[in-house]
Protein backbone atom coordinates (compact mmCIF):
# COMPACT_ATOMS: atom_id res chain seq x y z
CA UNK A 1 106.01 109.08 101.38
CA UNK A 2 107.43 112.31 99.99
CA UNK A 3 111.12 113.11 100.44
CA UNK A 4 112.22 116.64 99.50
CA UNK A 5 115.87 117.69 99.42
CA UNK A 6 116.82 121.37 99.61
CA UNK A 7 119.02 122.38 96.68
CA UNK A 8 119.50 126.00 97.77
CA UNK A 9 122.92 127.64 98.01
CA UNK A 10 123.77 126.78 101.64
CA UNK A 11 122.62 123.17 101.32
CA UNK A 12 124.35 122.82 97.95
CA UNK A 13 127.66 123.84 99.53
CA UNK A 14 127.09 121.24 102.26
CA UNK A 15 126.54 118.42 99.76
CA UNK A 16 122.83 118.37 98.87
CA UNK A 17 123.56 117.03 95.38
CA UNK A 18 125.34 114.04 96.89
CA UNK A 19 122.53 113.52 99.43
CA UNK A 20 119.92 113.59 96.64
CA UNK A 21 121.87 111.15 94.45
CA UNK A 22 122.42 108.79 97.39
CA UNK A 23 118.75 108.85 98.36
CA UNK A 24 117.69 108.18 94.77
CA UNK A 25 120.09 105.23 94.59
CA UNK A 26 118.89 103.80 97.91
CA UNK A 27 115.23 104.12 96.90
CA UNK A 28 115.98 102.23 93.68
CA UNK A 29 118.14 99.56 95.37
CA UNK A 30 115.36 98.88 97.88
CA UNK A 31 112.66 98.83 95.17
CA UNK A 32 110.71 101.67 96.82
CA UNK A 33 110.04 103.71 93.68
CA UNK A 34 106.28 103.20 94.05
CA UNK A 35 106.32 104.23 97.73
CA UNK A 36 108.77 107.16 97.83
CA UNK A 37 108.29 110.32 95.80
CA UNK A 38 111.58 112.23 95.52
CA UNK A 39 111.57 116.00 94.99
CA UNK A 40 113.91 118.95 95.15
CA UNK A 41 113.23 122.44 96.40
CA UNK A 42 115.07 125.68 96.81
CA UNK A 43 115.78 127.24 100.19
CA UNK A 44 113.59 126.00 103.03
CA UNK A 45 114.75 128.81 105.31
CA UNK A 46 116.67 126.47 107.60
CA UNK A 47 120.15 127.07 106.18
CA UNK A 48 121.95 126.62 109.50
CA UNK A 49 120.69 123.01 109.77
CA UNK A 50 122.82 121.66 106.93
CA UNK A 51 121.34 119.72 104.05
CA UNK A 52 117.64 120.05 104.81
CA UNK A 53 115.56 117.01 103.92
CA UNK A 54 111.82 116.99 104.51
CA UNK A 55 110.15 113.61 104.93
CA UNK A 56 106.36 113.92 104.95
CA UNK A 57 106.48 117.48 106.37
CA UNK A 58 109.11 116.68 109.05
CA UNK A 59 112.44 118.47 108.64
CA UNK A 60 115.69 116.54 109.06
CA UNK A 61 119.33 117.58 108.76
CA UNK A 62 121.25 115.19 106.51
CA UNK A 63 124.88 115.26 105.43
CA UNK A 64 126.69 113.18 102.83
CA UNK A 65 128.13 111.11 105.69
CA UNK A 66 124.79 110.42 107.42
CA UNK A 67 122.55 109.86 104.39
CA UNK A 68 122.60 106.05 104.37
CA UNK A 69 122.09 105.81 108.14
CA UNK A 70 119.21 108.31 108.12
CA UNK A 71 117.66 106.59 105.08
CA UNK A 72 117.52 103.34 107.03
CA UNK A 73 116.20 105.02 110.18
CA UNK A 74 113.74 107.56 108.77
CA UNK A 75 112.60 106.04 105.47
CA UNK A 76 113.28 102.32 105.18
CA UNK A 77 112.16 101.40 108.70
CA UNK A 78 108.84 103.18 108.19
CA UNK A 79 108.06 101.46 104.89
CA UNK A 80 109.12 97.87 105.52
């Protein structure tokens, strides 16, 4: 599974750095390093959607407050 976090200006202002750090921590805590490839990208062209996170080519809108919940729903549940 590939998880890409937008680090462009609009997403940065909305907390993309925090989202990326939280996702990296959750991947490590759940021992998923061999199953989840983390990446960063610059603007995905979906600035209005908040912190844009692409999981295997599907775009999601994360925020610092929803990162753990969306990790469980969109990443963890699909790998366990």
